[in-house]
């Protein structure tokens, strides 16, 4: 593990690895159970057929649930690596998540067009578009403020709380939108049979609970103030140098 030269690694909180491991177990179970649901009850996945729709839920769960959640946890897991490395990993995971989600969006719109179905009429679809737009804007803002070298230090400091808040809020909206889509899919296919505890309905309900569990565990890890990545001495020095170069402030105490 890479750490600052001459700086002792910051000890990891005792309970944090267990919560992170539990979140990954939940997340991988969600992805696997989504695939099992689509394979057992929806015929599987294919692009050039009626099964194209099934690409949508799988891609959304992988991208906007699992990978987005992992991207949020990067700063809790990689506590002693160089900040630039952690930033790059955080940004790349978000890029992969968004690309996979785009595949899911293309799949559902193509499927609707082929079948002649209406688009964007349900609450699930409205929330989905909102999440997608917010996710893209959040990534652009994060890149502009934290990865683009020309951003002013003072602007980064002011925007950081908003970036953290909206990151968690978009993740929460993504989980809620997935739950809406899951219920919509069950009602469309099962109708009144849904109330009779059909096996597909039971499996999907368990999947929904696992989605909630993953979201809750990730948000719990994020909101524990004592689990935040501690600032390193060399990073603080670099931040002050960067502030001086971009804003002309003195390094001496004000």
Protein backbone atom coordinates (compact mmCIF):
# COMPACT_ATOMS: atom_id res chain seq x y z
CA UNK A 1 0.00 0.00 0.00
CA UNK A 2 1.33 3.41 -0.97
CA UNK A 3 1.63 5.99 1.76
CA UNK A 4 3.36 9.27 2.20
CA UNK A 5 7.11 9.07 2.61
CA UNK A 6 8.17 9.32 6.22
CA UNK A 7 4.61 9.18 7.50
CA UNK A 8 3.37 6.29 9.59
CA UNK A 9 0.18 4.68 8.23
CA UNK A 10 -2.98 5.76 10.01
CA UNK A 11 -4.46 2.80 11.89
CA UNK A 12 -7.78 1.58 10.54
CA UNK A 13 -10.77 1.71 12.92
CA UNK A 14 -11.37 -1.77 14.31
CA UNK A 15 -14.94 -2.22 13.07
CA UNK A 16 -14.57 -0.56 9.65
CA UNK A 17 -13.20 -3.60 7.71
CA UNK A 18 -16.11 -5.73 8.92
CA UNK A 19 -18.70 -3.21 7.80
CA UNK A 20 -16.97 -2.79 4.43
CA UNK A 21 -16.81 -6.58 3.97
CA UNK A 22 -20.49 -6.85 4.90
CA UNK A 23 -21.38 -4.16 2.37
CA UNK A 24 -19.50 -6.04 -0.35
CA UNK A 25 -21.23 -9.29 0.56
CA UNK A 26 -24.61 -7.56 0.32
CA UNK A 27 -23.70 -5.81 -2.93
CA UNK A 28 -22.46 -8.95 -4.67
CA UNK A 29 -25.50 -10.84 -3.43
CA UNK A 30 -27.75 -8.14 -4.91
CA UNK A 31 -26.02 -8.44 -8.30
CA UNK A 32 -26.15 -12.26 -8.21
CA UNK A 33 -29.79 -12.33 -7.13
CA UNK A 34 -30.73 -9.86 -9.86
CA UNK A 35 -29.15 -12.19 -12.41
CA UNK A 36 -30.90 -15.18 -10.86
CA UNK A 37 -34.28 -13.41 -10.96
CA UNK A 38 -33.83 -12.49 -14.62
CA UNK A 39 -32.58 -15.98 -15.50
CA UNK A 40 -35.18 -17.99 -13.61
CA UNK A 41 -38.30 -15.91 -14.23
CA UNK A 42 -37.58 -13.53 -17.11
CA UNK A 43 -35.86 -15.79 -19.65
CA UNK A 44 -32.32 -14.49 -19.28
CA UNK A 45 -30.53 -11.67 -21.10
CA UNK A 46 -29.98 -10.95 -24.78
CA UNK A 47 -29.58 -7.77 -26.82
CA UNK A 48 -31.25 -8.59 -30.14
CA UNK A 49 -34.47 -10.11 -28.87
CA UNK A 50 -37.42 -9.59 -26.54
CA UNK A 51 -34.99 -10.25 -23.70
CA UNK A 52 -33.25 -6.93 -24.36
CA UNK A 53 -35.32 -5.30 -21.62
CA UNK A 54 -33.60 -7.52 -19.04
CA UNK A 55 -30.29 -5.80 -19.76
CA UNK A 56 -31.76 -2.69 -18.13
CA UNK A 57 -32.25 -3.87 -14.52
CA UNK A 58 -28.97 -5.80 -14.46
CA UNK A 59 -26.92 -2.86 -15.74
CA UNK A 60 -28.62 -0.42 -13.41
CA UNK A 61 -27.99 -2.61 -10.38
CA UNK A 62 -24.34 -3.16 -11.31
CA UNK A 63 -23.69 0.47 -12.24
CA UNK A 64 -25.86 2.80 -10.18
CA UNK A 65 -26.12 0.58 -7.09
CA UNK A 66 -23.06 -1.63 -6.61
CA UNK A 67 -20.32 0.36 -8.37
CA UNK A 68 -21.66 3.70 -7.20
CA UNK A 69 -21.72 2.44 -3.63
CA UNK A 70 -18.14 1.19 -3.94
CA UNK A 71 -17.02 4.52 -5.40
CA UNK A 72 -18.43 6.27 -2.34
CA UNK A 73 -16.50 3.94 -0.04
CA UNK A 74 -13.12 4.54 -1.68
CA UNK A 75 -12.13 7.27 0.77
CA UNK A 76 -13.00 5.04 3.72
CA UNK A 77 -11.18 1.94 2.44
CA UNK A 78 -7.98 3.48 1.04
CA UNK A 79 -6.92 5.50 4.06
CA UNK A 80 -3.14 5.60 3.58
CA UNK A 81 -2.74 5.71 -0.19
CA UNK A 82 -1.77 8.94 -1.93
CA UNK A 83 -4.71 11.33 -2.26
CA UNK A 84 -4.31 11.61 -6.04
CA UNK A 85 -4.51 7.81 -6.35
CA UNK A 86 -7.66 7.70 -4.24
CA UNK A 87 -9.21 10.52 -6.25
CA UNK A 88 -8.45 8.76 -9.52
CA UNK A 89 -9.98 5.48 -8.32
CA UNK A 90 -13.06 7.31 -7.01
CA UNK A 91 -13.55 9.06 -10.35
CA UNK A 92 -12.88 5.95 -12.46
CA UNK A 93 -15.40 3.84 -10.55
CA UNK A 94 -18.01 6.52 -11.15
CA UNK A 95 -17.13 6.55 -14.87
CA UNK A 96 -17.53 2.76 -15.12
CA UNK A 97 -20.81 2.97 -13.21
CA UNK A 98 -22.17 5.64 -15.54
CA UNK A 99 -21.12 3.80 -18.72
CA UNK A 100 -22.81 0.58 -17.53
CA UNK A 101 -25.92 2.56 -16.60
CA UNK A 102 -25.96 4.14 -20.08
CA UNK A 103 -26.02 0.65 -21.60
CA UNK A 104 -29.03 -0.11 -19.42
CA UNK A 105 -30.79 3.08 -20.53
CA UNK A 106 -30.13 2.37 -24.22
CA UNK A 107 -31.48 -1.16 -23.76
CA UNK A 108 -34.80 -0.06 -22.27
CA UNK A 109 -35.38 2.73 -24.80
CA UNK A 110 -34.55 0.38 -27.70
CA UNK A 111 -36.91 -2.24 -26.28
CA UNK A 112 -39.74 0.27 -25.92
CA UNK A 113 -39.22 1.53 -29.45
CA UNK A 114 -39.26 -1.99 -30.90
CA UNK A 115 -42.44 -2.88 -28.99
CA UNK A 116 -44.13 0.46 -29.54
CA UNK A 117 -44.39 1.17 -25.82
CA UNK A 118 -44.58 4.67 -24.40
CA UNK A 119 -41.52 6.17 -22.71
CA UNK A 120 -41.15 8.18 -19.53
CA UNK A 121 -44.68 7.98 -18.15
CA UNK A 122 -44.10 6.17 -14.84
CA UNK A 123 -42.67 7.47 -11.56
CA UNK A 124 -39.85 4.95 -11.93
CA UNK A 125 -38.83 6.35 -15.31
CA UNK A 126 -39.00 9.95 -14.10
CA UNK A 127 -36.85 9.12 -11.08
CA UNK A 128 -34.47 7.18 -13.32
CA UNK A 129 -33.92 10.13 -15.64
CA UNK A 130 -33.49 12.44 -12.65
CA UNK A 131 -30.87 10.12 -11.12
CA UNK A 132 -29.01 9.79 -14.43
CA UNK A 133 -28.87 13.55 -15.01
CA UNK A 134 -27.85 14.28 -11.42
CA UNK A 135 -25.20 11.56 -11.55
CA UNK A 136 -23.66 13.00 -14.72
CA UNK A 137 -23.73 16.58 -13.36
CA UNK A 138 -22.22 15.38 -10.06
CA UNK A 139 -19.36 13.70 -11.92
CA UNK A 140 -18.71 16.78 -14.06
CA UNK A 141 -18.69 19.03 -11.02
CA UNK A 142 -16.39 16.65 -9.14
CA UNK A 143 -13.98 16.49 -12.09
CA UNK A 144 -13.99 20.28 -12.48
CA UNK A 145 -13.36 21.02 -8.81
CA UNK A 146 -11.17 18.12 -7.64
CA UNK A 147 -9.40 16.62 -10.66
CA UNK A 148 -9.04 19.61 -12.98
CA UNK A 149 -5.78 21.36 -12.00
CA UNK A 150 -7.08 24.89 -12.57
CA UNK A 151 -9.75 24.89 -9.86
CA UNK A 152 -9.20 27.43 -7.07
CA UNK A 153 -8.48 26.03 -3.62
CA UNK A 154 -11.18 28.19 -2.01
CA UNK A 155 -13.80 26.95 -4.48
CA UNK A 156 -12.84 23.35 -3.75
CA UNK A 157 -13.25 23.93 -0.02
CA UNK A 158 -16.67 25.55 -0.46
CA UNK A 159 -17.98 22.93 -2.85
CA UNK A 160 -16.73 19.85 -0.94
CA UNK A 161 -19.72 19.65 1.51
CA UNK A 162 -22.19 19.89 -1.39
CA UNK A 163 -20.31 17.23 -3.31
CA UNK A 164 -20.40 14.86 -0.33
CA UNK A 165 -24.09 15.50 0.34
CA UNK A 166 -25.26 15.08 -3.24
CA UNK A 167 -23.12 11.97 -3.68
CA UNK A 168 -24.96 10.28 -0.80
CA UNK A 169 -28.33 11.70 -1.92
CA UNK A 170 -27.94 10.43 -5.49
CA UNK A 171 -26.98 7.00 -4.19
CA UNK A 172 -30.08 6.96 -1.99
CA UNK A 173 -32.24 8.05 -4.94
CA UNK A 174 -30.70 5.27 -7.04
CA UNK A 175 -31.70 2.64 -4.49
CA UNK A 176 -35.23 4.07 -4.27
CA UNK A 177 -35.56 4.14 -8.06
CA UNK A 178 -34.43 0.51 -8.27
CA UNK A 179 -37.12 -0.45 -5.75
CA UNK A 180 -39.76 1.39 -7.79
CA UNK A 181 -38.62 -0.42 -10.95
CA UNK A 182 -38.65 -3.79 -9.22
CA UNK A 183 -42.21 -3.31 -7.99
CA UNK A 184 -43.31 -2.04 -11.41
CA UNK A 185 -41.85 -5.10 -13.15
CA UNK A 186 -43.62 -7.44 -10.72
CA UNK A 187 -46.99 -5.73 -11.08
CA UNK A 188 -46.76 -5.73 -14.89
CA UNK A 189 -46.12 -9.46 -15.07
CA UNK A 190 -47.83 -10.93 -12.01
CA UNK A 191 -50.74 -8.55 -11.59
CA UNK A 192 -53.09 -9.83 -8.89
CA UNK A 193 -50.95 -12.98 -8.50
CA UNK A 194 -48.40 -10.82 -6.72
CA UNK A 195 -50.61 -10.87 -3.63
CA UNK A 196 -50.60 -14.68 -3.63
CA UNK A 197 -46.91 -14.98 -2.67
CA UNK A 198 -45.79 -16.27 -6.06
CA UNK A 199 -42.18 -17.55 -5.99
CA UNK A 200 -41.02 -14.77 -8.29
CA UNK A 201 -42.63 -12.19 -6.05
CA UNK A 202 -41.01 -13.63 -2.95
CA UNK A 203 -37.57 -13.70 -4.61
CA UNK A 204 -37.99 -10.12 -5.81
CA UNK A 205 -39.10 -8.97 -2.36
CA UNK A 206 -35.95 -10.49 -0.85
CA UNK A 207 -33.93 -8.72 -3.55
CA UNK A 208 -35.59 -5.46 -2.55
CA UNK A 209 -34.67 -5.98 1.09
CA UNK A 210 -31.08 -6.69 0.09
CA UNK A 211 -31.01 -3.48 -1.94
CA UNK A 212 -32.18 -1.56 1.11
CA UNK A 213 -29.62 -3.35 3.28
CA UNK A 214 -26.76 -2.48 0.92
CA UNK A 215 -27.84 1.15 0.81
CA UNK A 216 -28.16 1.40 4.59
CA UNK A 217 -24.74 -0.16 5.28
CA UNK A 218 -22.99 2.08 2.73
CA UNK A 219 -24.66 5.20 4.13
CA UNK A 220 -23.81 4.14 7.68
CA UNK A 221 -20.13 3.82 6.76
CA UNK A 222 -20.21 7.22 5.07
CA UNK A 223 -21.85 9.00 7.99
CA UNK A 224 -19.46 7.73 10.69
CA UNK A 225 -17.31 10.81 11.25
CA UNK A 226 -14.59 8.81 12.99
CA UNK A 227 -14.23 6.57 9.91
CA UNK A 228 -13.39 9.40 7.54
CA UNK A 229 -10.04 9.36 5.80
CA UNK A 230 -7.70 11.42 8.02
CA UNK A 231 -5.75 14.26 6.40
CA UNK A 232 -2.05 13.49 5.99
CA UNK A 233 0.61 16.01 6.85
CA UNK A 234 2.19 16.01 3.38
CA UNK A 235 -1.23 16.45 1.75
CA UNK A 236 -1.97 19.47 3.92
CA UNK A 237 1.40 20.95 2.95
CA UNK A 238 0.69 20.34 -0.75
CA UNK A 239 -2.76 21.89 -0.34
CA UNK A 240 -1.22 25.05 1.11
CA UNK A 241 1.33 25.18 -1.72
CA UNK A 242 -1.47 24.73 -4.26
CA UNK A 243 -3.48 27.51 -2.60
CA UNK A 244 -0.48 29.81 -2.77
CA UNK A 245 0.13 29.07 -6.44
CA UNK A 246 -3.50 29.52 -7.51
CA UNK A 247 -4.64 32.33 -5.24
CA UNK A 248 -1.42 34.03 -4.16
CA UNK A 249 -2.02 33.53 -0.42
CA UNK A 250 0.90 33.59 2.00
CA UNK A 251 1.93 30.39 3.70
CA UNK A 252 2.47 32.27 6.94
CA UNK A 253 -0.34 32.15 9.54
CA UNK A 254 -3.01 34.82 9.07
